[in-house]
């Protein structure tokens, strides 16, 4: 009635190969979370290095109305990471741009970090 399958070497190799494929897929799925965590640390570091001198905790020590709070970003129409990245690169008003210092995707990493902090009301946690 019941057939007992004989485990041969080729069946073992196929199962081993399938296990490796599954592990590779799992690794690739979990990779973006690690990159996001790295981007978050880089965003914070970029902010501290280039922006925190004037924008302490998202404020603005020079012009209070030009802060990085979510209400100000929305009011000024710059609550989009691409727009924030452009301002970081090119500057706006009396604020200089940092395009020559922001390499690769640093401007977008910084912009996403700023928007994330603004959405959390600049409360670290």
N, C-alpha and C. Protein backbone atom coordinates (compact mmCIF):
# COMPACT_ATOMS: atom_id res chain seq x y z
N UNK A 1 0.79 -1.19 0.00
CA UNK A 1 0.00 0.00 0.00
C UNK A 1 0.84 1.27 0.00
N UNK A 2 1.70 1.37 0.99
CA UNK A 2 2.54 2.57 1.08
C UNK A 2 3.87 2.30 0.40
N UNK A 3 4.23 3.23 -0.44
CA UNK A 3 5.53 3.11 -1.07
C UNK A 3 6.54 3.88 -0.23
N UNK A 4 7.63 3.32 -0.02
CA UNK A 4 8.71 3.99 0.69
C UNK A 4 9.69 4.46 -0.37
N UNK A 5 9.83 5.79 -0.40
CA UNK A 5 10.72 6.37 -1.39
C UNK A 5 12.15 6.27 -0.89
N UNK A 6 12.96 5.85 -1.77
CA UNK A 6 14.37 5.74 -1.45
C UNK A 6 15.02 7.10 -1.68
N UNK A 7 15.67 7.61 -0.66
CA UNK A 7 16.35 8.90 -0.75
C UNK A 7 17.68 8.69 -1.44
N UNK A 8 17.79 9.21 -2.63
CA UNK A 8 19.07 9.09 -3.31
C UNK A 8 19.79 10.43 -3.29
N UNK A 9 20.97 10.43 -3.80
CA UNK A 9 21.82 11.60 -3.71
C UNK A 9 21.24 12.78 -4.48
N UNK A 10 20.65 12.57 -5.64
CA UNK A 10 20.11 13.67 -6.44
C UNK A 10 18.92 14.33 -5.73
N UNK A 11 18.09 13.57 -5.01
CA UNK A 11 16.99 14.14 -4.25
C UNK A 11 17.54 14.99 -3.11
N UNK A 12 18.58 14.54 -2.47
CA UNK A 12 19.23 15.28 -1.39
C UNK A 12 19.78 16.60 -1.92
N UNK A 13 20.42 16.57 -3.10
CA UNK A 13 20.97 17.79 -3.70
C UNK A 13 19.86 18.77 -4.05
N UNK A 14 18.73 18.27 -4.53
CA UNK A 14 17.62 19.14 -4.90
C UNK A 14 17.06 19.83 -3.65
N UNK A 15 16.91 19.07 -2.57
CA UNK A 15 16.40 19.65 -1.32
C UNK A 15 17.38 20.67 -0.75
N UNK A 16 18.66 20.37 -0.83
CA UNK A 16 19.69 21.28 -0.35
C UNK A 16 19.69 22.56 -1.17
N UNK A 17 19.57 22.42 -2.49
CA UNK A 17 19.51 23.57 -3.38
C UNK A 17 18.30 24.44 -3.07
N UNK A 18 17.14 23.81 -2.86
CA UNK A 18 15.92 24.53 -2.53
C UNK A 18 16.07 25.29 -1.22
N UNK A 19 16.71 24.69 -0.24
CA UNK A 19 16.96 25.35 1.04
C UNK A 19 17.84 26.58 0.86
N UNK A 20 18.86 26.48 0.04
CA UNK A 20 19.75 27.62 -0.21
C UNK A 20 18.98 28.74 -0.91
N UNK A 21 18.15 28.38 -1.88
CA UNK A 21 17.36 29.39 -2.59
C UNK A 21 16.43 30.12 -1.61
N UNK A 22 15.77 29.38 -0.75
CA UNK A 22 14.87 29.98 0.23
C UNK A 22 15.63 30.91 1.17
N UNK A 23 16.80 30.50 1.62
CA UNK A 23 17.61 31.36 2.49
C UNK A 23 18.05 32.62 1.77
N UNK A 24 18.41 32.51 0.50
CA UNK A 24 18.81 33.69 -0.27
C UNK A 24 17.64 34.66 -0.42
N UNK A 25 16.47 34.15 -0.72
CA UNK A 25 15.29 35.01 -0.85
C UNK A 25 14.98 35.70 0.47
N UNK A 26 15.04 34.95 1.56
CA UNK A 26 14.81 35.53 2.87
C UNK A 26 15.81 36.65 3.17
N UNK A 27 17.07 36.42 2.81
CA UNK A 27 18.10 37.43 3.05
C UNK A 27 17.82 38.70 2.25
N UNK A 28 17.40 38.52 0.99
CA UNK A 28 17.11 39.68 0.16
C UNK A 28 15.89 40.45 0.66
N UNK A 29 14.92 39.75 1.19
CA UNK A 29 13.73 40.41 1.73
C UNK A 29 14.07 41.22 2.96
N UNK A 30 14.95 40.70 3.80
CA UNK A 30 15.30 41.41 5.03
C UNK A 30 16.34 42.50 4.81
N UNK A 31 17.00 42.52 3.69
CA UNK A 31 18.05 43.50 3.41
C UNK A 31 17.56 44.95 3.45
N UNK A 32 16.43 45.30 2.82
CA UNK A 32 16.02 46.71 2.86
C UNK A 32 15.85 47.27 4.27
N UNK A 33 15.39 46.48 5.21
CA UNK A 33 15.25 46.96 6.58
C UNK A 33 16.60 47.38 7.14
N UNK A 34 17.62 46.60 6.84
CA UNK A 34 18.96 46.95 7.31
C UNK A 34 19.44 48.23 6.63
N UNK A 35 19.15 48.38 5.33
CA UNK A 35 19.55 49.58 4.63
C UNK A 35 18.80 50.79 5.13
N UNK A 36 17.52 50.64 5.45
CA UNK A 36 16.75 51.75 6.00
C UNK A 36 17.33 52.19 7.34
N UNK A 37 17.71 51.23 8.17
CA UNK A 37 18.32 51.56 9.45
C UNK A 37 19.63 52.31 9.23
N UNK A 38 20.41 51.87 8.25
CA UNK A 38 21.66 52.55 7.94
C UNK A 38 21.38 53.96 7.43
N UNK A 39 20.37 54.11 6.55
CA UNK A 39 20.01 55.43 6.05
C UNK A 39 19.56 56.36 7.17
N UNK A 40 18.85 55.81 8.15
CA UNK A 40 18.39 56.62 9.28
C UNK A 40 19.59 57.15 10.05
N UNK A 41 20.56 56.28 10.32
CA UNK A 41 21.76 56.74 11.03
C UNK A 41 22.51 57.76 10.19
N UNK A 42 22.61 57.52 8.88
CA UNK A 42 23.29 58.47 8.01
C UNK A 42 22.54 59.79 7.94
N UNK A 43 21.20 59.73 7.91
CA UNK A 43 20.40 60.95 7.87
C UNK A 43 20.62 61.79 9.11
N UNK A 44 20.64 61.14 10.24
CA UNK A 44 20.88 61.86 11.49
C UNK A 44 22.28 62.47 11.50
N UNK A 45 23.25 61.71 11.05
CA UNK A 45 24.63 62.20 11.00
C UNK A 45 24.76 63.38 10.03
N UNK A 46 24.14 63.27 8.86
CA UNK A 46 24.17 64.37 7.89
C UNK A 46 23.52 65.62 8.46
N UNK A 47 22.39 65.43 9.15
CA UNK A 47 21.70 66.57 9.75
C UNK A 47 22.58 67.24 10.80
N UNK A 48 23.16 66.44 11.67
CA UNK A 48 24.02 67.01 12.72
C UNK A 48 25.20 67.76 12.12
N UNK A 49 25.74 67.23 11.03
CA UNK A 49 26.93 67.82 10.42
C UNK A 49 26.61 69.09 9.63
N UNK A 50 25.49 69.11 8.91
CA UNK A 50 25.22 70.22 8.00
C UNK A 50 24.11 71.16 8.44
N UNK A 51 23.16 70.68 9.21
CA UNK A 51 21.93 71.46 9.44
C UNK A 51 21.68 71.89 10.88
N UNK A 52 22.14 71.08 11.83
CA UNK A 52 21.79 71.30 13.23
C UNK A 52 22.27 72.63 13.79
N UNK A 53 23.26 73.22 13.18
CA UNK A 53 23.75 74.51 13.66
C UNK A 53 22.67 75.58 13.64
N UNK A 54 21.82 75.55 12.62
CA UNK A 54 20.72 76.52 12.52
C UNK A 54 19.37 75.90 12.87
N UNK A 55 19.20 74.61 12.59
CA UNK A 55 17.91 73.95 12.77
C UNK A 55 17.93 73.02 13.97
N UNK A 56 18.21 73.56 15.13
CA UNK A 56 18.25 72.77 16.36
C UNK A 56 16.86 72.20 16.63
N UNK A 57 16.78 70.88 16.76
CA UNK A 57 15.50 70.18 16.99
C UNK A 57 14.41 70.60 16.00
N UNK A 58 14.81 70.87 14.78
CA UNK A 58 13.85 71.24 13.74
C UNK A 58 13.45 72.69 13.73
N UNK A 59 13.97 73.46 14.66
CA UNK A 59 13.65 74.89 14.70
C UNK A 59 14.51 75.66 13.71
N UNK A 60 14.63 76.95 13.92
CA UNK A 60 15.50 77.79 13.11
C UNK A 60 15.93 78.96 13.97
N UNK A 61 17.22 79.03 14.25
CA UNK A 61 17.71 80.08 15.14
C UNK A 61 17.82 81.44 14.45
N UNK A 62 17.74 81.47 13.11
CA UNK A 62 17.87 82.72 12.37
C UNK A 62 16.50 83.30 12.03
N UNK A 63 15.63 82.49 11.46
CA UNK A 63 14.27 82.92 11.12
C UNK A 63 13.30 81.87 11.63
N UNK A 64 12.63 82.18 12.71
CA UNK A 64 11.76 81.20 13.37
C UNK A 64 10.71 80.60 12.46
N UNK A 65 10.20 81.36 11.53
CA UNK A 65 9.13 80.85 10.67
C UNK A 65 9.65 79.85 9.62
N UNK A 66 10.94 79.81 9.41
CA UNK A 66 11.54 78.90 8.42
C UNK A 66 12.11 77.67 9.11
N UNK A 67 11.27 77.03 9.90
CA UNK A 67 11.73 75.86 10.65
C UNK A 67 11.36 74.58 9.89
N UNK A 68 11.69 73.45 10.49
CA UNK A 68 11.46 72.15 9.87
C UNK A 68 10.33 71.38 10.56
N UNK A 69 9.43 72.10 11.18
CA UNK A 69 8.25 71.47 11.79
C UNK A 69 7.29 71.10 10.66
N UNK A 70 6.50 70.06 10.87
CA UNK A 70 5.62 69.57 9.81
C UNK A 70 4.63 70.64 9.36
N UNK A 71 4.13 71.44 10.29
CA UNK A 71 3.17 72.49 9.91
C UNK A 71 3.82 73.53 9.00
N UNK A 72 5.07 73.90 9.28
CA UNK A 72 5.78 74.86 8.44
C UNK A 72 6.11 74.27 7.08
N UNK A 73 6.53 73.02 7.08
CA UNK A 73 6.84 72.37 5.81
C UNK A 73 5.60 72.31 4.92
N UNK A 74 4.46 71.96 5.51
CA UNK A 74 3.21 71.90 4.73
C UNK A 74 2.80 73.29 4.28
N UNK A 75 2.86 74.27 5.17
CA UNK A 75 2.46 75.63 4.84
C UNK A 75 3.30 76.19 3.69
N UNK A 76 4.59 75.85 3.68
CA UNK A 76 5.49 76.35 2.64
C UNK A 76 5.56 75.43 1.42
N UNK A 77 4.77 74.34 1.43
CA UNK A 77 4.72 73.44 0.28
C UNK A 77 5.97 72.62 0.05
N UNK A 78 6.69 72.35 1.14
CA UNK A 78 7.92 71.55 0.99
C UNK A 78 7.88 70.31 1.89
N UNK A 79 6.72 69.68 1.95
CA UNK A 79 6.59 68.47 2.76
C UNK A 79 6.76 67.21 1.90
N UNK A 80 7.67 67.30 0.94
CA UNK A 80 7.98 66.20 0.04
C UNK A 80 9.49 65.97 0.06
N UNK A 81 9.94 64.73 0.18
CA UNK A 81 11.38 64.46 0.27
C UNK A 81 12.19 65.02 -0.91
N UNK A 82 11.62 64.97 -2.11
CA UNK A 82 12.34 65.49 -3.28
C UNK A 82 12.58 67.00 -3.17
N UNK A 83 11.58 67.72 -2.67
CA UNK A 83 11.72 69.17 -2.51
C UNK A 83 12.71 69.51 -1.40
N UNK A 84 12.64 68.77 -0.31
CA UNK A 84 13.59 69.00 0.79
C UNK A 84 15.01 68.70 0.31
N UNK A 85 15.17 67.62 -0.45
CA UNK A 85 16.49 67.26 -0.99
C UNK A 85 17.02 68.36 -1.91
N UNK A 86 16.14 68.94 -2.72
CA UNK A 86 16.54 70.02 -3.62
C UNK A 86 17.03 71.22 -2.83
N UNK A 87 16.31 71.55 -1.75
CA UNK A 87 16.73 72.68 -0.91
C UNK A 87 18.06 72.37 -0.24
N UNK A 88 18.25 71.15 0.22
CA UNK A 88 19.52 70.76 0.84
C UNK A 88 20.67 70.91 -0.15
N UNK A 89 20.40 70.55 -1.41
CA UNK A 89 21.44 70.65 -2.44
C UNK A 89 21.70 72.09 -2.87
N UNK A 90 20.62 72.82 -3.16
CA UNK A 90 20.75 74.12 -3.81
C UNK A 90 20.62 75.31 -2.86
N UNK A 91 20.01 75.08 -1.70
CA UNK A 91 19.75 76.17 -0.78
C UNK A 91 18.47 76.88 -1.13
N UNK A 92 18.07 77.80 -0.27
CA UNK A 92 16.86 78.60 -0.50
C UNK A 92 16.98 79.86 0.35
N UNK A 93 16.62 81.01 -0.23
CA UNK A 93 16.74 82.27 0.51
C UNK A 93 18.17 82.49 0.97
N UNK A 94 18.35 82.77 2.26
CA UNK A 94 19.70 83.02 2.78
C UNK A 94 20.43 81.73 3.14
N UNK A 95 19.73 80.60 3.05
CA UNK A 95 20.36 79.33 3.38
C UNK A 95 21.16 78.82 2.19
N UNK A 96 22.42 78.54 2.43
CA UNK A 96 23.28 77.97 1.39
C UNK A 96 22.92 76.52 1.13
N UNK A 97 23.21 76.06 -0.06
CA UNK A 97 23.03 74.66 -0.39
C UNK A 97 24.30 73.87 -0.09
N UNK A 98 24.14 72.58 0.03
CA UNK A 98 25.27 71.71 0.34
C UNK A 98 25.50 70.68 -0.76
N UNK A 99 25.14 71.03 -1.98
CA UNK A 99 25.26 70.12 -3.11
C UNK A 99 26.65 69.56 -3.32
N UNK A 100 27.67 70.36 -3.03
CA UNK A 100 29.04 69.89 -3.21
C UNK A 100 29.48 68.94 -2.09
N UNK A 101 28.76 68.94 -0.97
CA UNK A 101 29.12 68.08 0.15
C UNK A 101 28.23 66.84 0.26
N UNK A 102 27.06 66.89 -0.34
CA UNK A 102 26.13 65.77 -0.29
C UNK A 102 26.37 64.89 -1.51
N UNK A 103 26.98 63.74 -1.30
CA UNK A 103 27.33 62.85 -2.40
C UNK A 103 26.31 61.71 -2.51
N UNK A 104 26.33 61.06 -3.65
CA UNK A 104 25.43 59.93 -3.93
C UNK A 104 23.99 60.33 -3.63
N UNK A 105 23.33 59.64 -2.73
CA UNK A 105 21.94 59.94 -2.37
C UNK A 105 21.84 60.62 -1.02
N UNK A 106 22.90 61.26 -0.56
CA UNK A 106 22.89 61.89 0.75
C UNK A 106 21.77 62.92 0.89
N UNK A 107 21.49 63.66 -0.19
CA UNK A 107 20.42 64.66 -0.11
C UNK A 107 19.06 64.02 0.16
N UNK A 108 18.78 62.88 -0.48
CA UNK A 108 17.51 62.18 -0.25
C UNK A 108 17.47 61.50 1.11
N UNK A 109 18.60 60.95 1.53
CA UNK A 109 18.68 60.33 2.85
C UNK A 109 18.39 61.39 3.91
N UNK A 110 19.02 62.54 3.77
CA UNK A 110 18.81 63.65 4.70
C UNK A 110 17.36 64.13 4.65
N UNK A 111 16.81 64.29 3.46
CA UNK A 111 15.44 64.77 3.31
C UNK A 111 14.44 63.81 3.94
N UNK A 112 14.61 62.52 3.71
CA UNK A 112 13.71 61.53 4.31
C UNK A 112 13.82 61.54 5.83
N UNK A 113 15.03 61.70 6.34
CA UNK A 113 15.21 61.75 7.80
C UNK A 113 14.52 63.00 8.37
N UNK A 114 14.70 64.13 7.71
CA UNK A 114 14.07 65.38 8.17
C UNK A 114 12.55 65.23 8.19
N UNK A 115 11.98 64.69 7.11
CA UNK A 115 10.53 64.52 7.05
C UNK A 115 10.04 63.55 8.11
N UNK A 116 10.80 62.49 8.35
CA UNK A 116 10.44 61.53 9.40
C UNK A 116 10.43 62.20 10.77
N UNK A 117 11.44 63.01 11.05
CA UNK A 117 11.51 63.71 12.33
C UNK A 117 10.38 64.73 12.46
N UNK A 118 10.08 65.42 11.38
CA UNK A 118 9.00 66.40 11.40
C UNK A 118 7.67 65.72 11.70
N UNK A 119 7.46 64.55 11.12
CA UNK A 119 6.21 63.82 11.36
C UNK A 119 6.13 63.33 12.81
N UNK A 120 7.28 63.14 13.46
CA UNK A 120 7.31 62.73 14.87
C UNK A 120 7.44 63.94 15.79
N UNK A 121 7.24 65.14 15.25
CA UNK A 121 7.33 66.40 16.00
C UNK A 121 8.72 66.59 16.61
N UNK A 122 9.73 66.05 15.97
CA UNK A 122 11.12 66.16 16.41
C UNK A 122 11.34 65.62 17.81
N UNK A 123 10.52 64.68 18.21
CA UNK A 123 10.69 64.02 19.49
C UNK A 123 11.49 62.76 19.24
N UNK A 124 12.68 62.69 19.83
CA UNK A 124 13.54 61.51 19.64
C UNK A 124 13.01 60.38 20.50
N UNK A 125 13.02 59.18 19.92
CA UNK A 125 12.53 58.07 20.72
C UNK A 125 12.88 56.74 20.22
